[in-house]
Amino acid sequence: MTYINNPNRTMSEPGKELHEAFLRMRRVNPCQKEHSRLLTAAVVNDRFRKLLLNNPAQALASGYCGEIFHFPPEEKQRVTAIQASSLSDFAEQLIEHRTPVHHYLNCP
């Protein structure tokens, strides 16, 4: 189908733009959901926040409220290596040095 005013311009298929936007979003950081879950747990629970800041490896291993965090080994290693004195500093480091997308292939 073409536009009436410009026969050289073709109209995209319905939903194509939305699908492409979704794919771009997924390529950005497929493990972003796990990052969000981790930070949310730290925001809502003082005890978990202190554990995350003092011993990130133990915080990931313990999980939160019976839920575990699903990070690929490379990302888990990166997250547990973060040393921060505040949650905002932790979040900044988490976002600042994101693991390249191709390492996230094992993310749920």
Protein backbone atom coordinates (compact mmCIF):
# COMPACT_ATOMS: atom_id res chain seq x y z
CA MET A 1 0.00 0.00 0.00
CA THR A 2 1.33 3.48 -0.80
CA TYR A 3 0.48 6.94 0.38
CA ILE A 4 -1.63 8.99 -2.02
CA ASN A 5 0.61 12.06 -1.80
CA ASN A 6 3.88 10.17 -2.16
CA PRO A 7 3.78 6.97 -4.22
CA ASN A 8 7.44 6.22 -3.38
CA ARG A 9 6.77 5.92 0.34
CA THR A 10 5.30 2.62 1.49
CA MET A 11 3.23 2.15 4.61
CA SER A 12 4.48 -0.31 7.20
CA GLU A 13 2.54 -3.40 8.12
CA PRO A 14 0.24 -3.06 11.14
CA GLY A 15 2.12 -3.61 14.37
CA LYS A 16 5.55 -3.66 12.71
CA GLU A 17 6.76 -0.50 14.46
CA LEU A 18 5.60 -1.78 17.84
CA HIS A 19 7.29 -5.13 17.25
CA GLU A 20 10.55 -3.41 16.23
CA ALA A 21 10.41 -1.19 19.33
CA PHE A 22 9.91 -4.27 21.49
CA LEU A 23 12.91 -5.99 19.90
CA ARG A 24 15.08 -2.89 20.44
CA MET A 25 14.02 -2.79 24.09
CA ARG A 26 14.92 -6.47 24.58
CA ARG A 27 18.32 -5.96 22.97
CA VAL A 28 19.13 -3.17 25.38
CA ASN A 29 19.27 -5.37 28.47
CA PRO A 30 17.35 -8.63 28.72
CA CYS A 31 18.32 -9.03 32.41
CA GLN A 32 16.99 -5.61 33.32
CA LYS A 33 14.03 -7.31 34.99
CA GLU A 34 16.39 -9.04 37.42
CA HIS A 35 18.21 -5.78 38.11
CA SER A 36 14.86 -4.17 38.86
CA ARG A 37 13.81 -7.02 41.15
CA LEU A 38 17.10 -6.79 43.03
CA LEU A 39 16.90 -3.02 43.50
CA THR A 40 13.21 -3.16 44.42
CA ALA A 41 13.92 -5.69 47.17
CA ALA A 42 16.67 -3.41 48.49
CA VAL A 43 14.36 -0.38 48.44
CA VAL A 44 11.50 -2.02 50.31
CA ASN A 45 13.51 -3.97 52.88
CA ASP A 46 16.18 -2.37 55.04
CA ARG A 47 17.63 -5.72 56.09
CA PHE A 48 18.05 -6.90 52.49
CA ARG A 49 19.49 -3.51 51.49
CA LYS A 50 22.16 -3.75 54.22
CA LEU A 51 23.00 -7.30 53.17
CA LEU A 52 23.26 -6.27 49.50
CA LEU A 53 25.60 -3.40 50.34
CA ASN A 54 27.76 -5.39 52.76
CA ASN A 55 27.75 -8.78 51.07
CA PRO A 56 26.21 -8.80 47.57
CA ALA A 57 27.11 -12.46 47.00
CA GLN A 58 25.19 -13.51 50.10
CA ALA A 59 22.26 -11.28 49.15
CA LEU A 60 22.01 -12.92 45.71
CA ALA A 61 22.41 -16.40 47.19
CA SER A 62 19.75 -15.74 49.85
CA GLY A 63 17.22 -14.20 47.51
CA TYR A 64 14.33 -12.20 48.86
CA CYS A 65 11.05 -13.47 50.36
CA GLY A 66 11.57 -16.93 48.94
CA GLU A 67 12.35 -15.60 45.46
CA ILE A 68 15.74 -16.14 43.87
CA PHE A 69 17.50 -13.88 41.40
CA HIS A 70 18.21 -15.28 37.94
CA PHE A 71 21.49 -13.90 36.61
CA PRO A 72 23.83 -15.60 34.16
CA PRO A 73 27.20 -16.44 35.78
CA GLU A 74 29.04 -13.47 34.22
CA GLU A 75 26.42 -11.00 35.40
CA LYS A 76 26.21 -12.58 38.83
CA GLN A 77 29.97 -12.20 39.19
CA ARG A 78 29.78 -8.56 38.12
CA VAL A 79 26.93 -7.76 40.51
CA THR A 80 28.60 -9.44 43.46
CA ALA A 81 31.82 -7.49 42.82
CA ILE A 82 30.07 -4.13 43.29
CA GLN A 83 31.29 -2.24 46.34
CA ALA A 84 28.96 0.56 47.35
CA SER A 85 28.14 2.45 50.53
CA SER A 86 24.63 3.45 49.46
CA LEU A 87 21.87 1.97 47.35
CA SER A 88 22.09 4.85 44.89
CA ASP A 89 25.81 4.18 44.46
CA PHE A 90 25.08 0.46 43.99
CA ALA A 91 22.42 1.22 41.36
CA GLU A 92 24.73 3.63 39.56
CA GLN A 93 27.47 1.00 39.34
CA LEU A 94 24.96 -1.62 38.27
CA ILE A 95 23.80 0.54 35.37
CA GLU A 96 27.15 2.14 34.55
CA HIS A 97 28.95 -1.01 33.50
CA ARG A 98 26.27 -3.21 32.04
CA THR A 99 27.38 -6.50 30.62
CA PRO A 100 27.13 -6.58 26.80
CA VAL A 101 23.84 -7.96 25.51
CA HIS A 102 25.33 -11.15 24.01
CA HIS A 103 26.23 -12.31 27.55
CA TYR A 104 22.55 -12.28 28.51
CA LEU A 105 21.49 -15.15 26.30
CA ASN A 106 20.87 -17.38 29.34
CA CYS A 107 18.62 -14.87 31.06
CA PRO A 108 15.01 -15.94 31.65
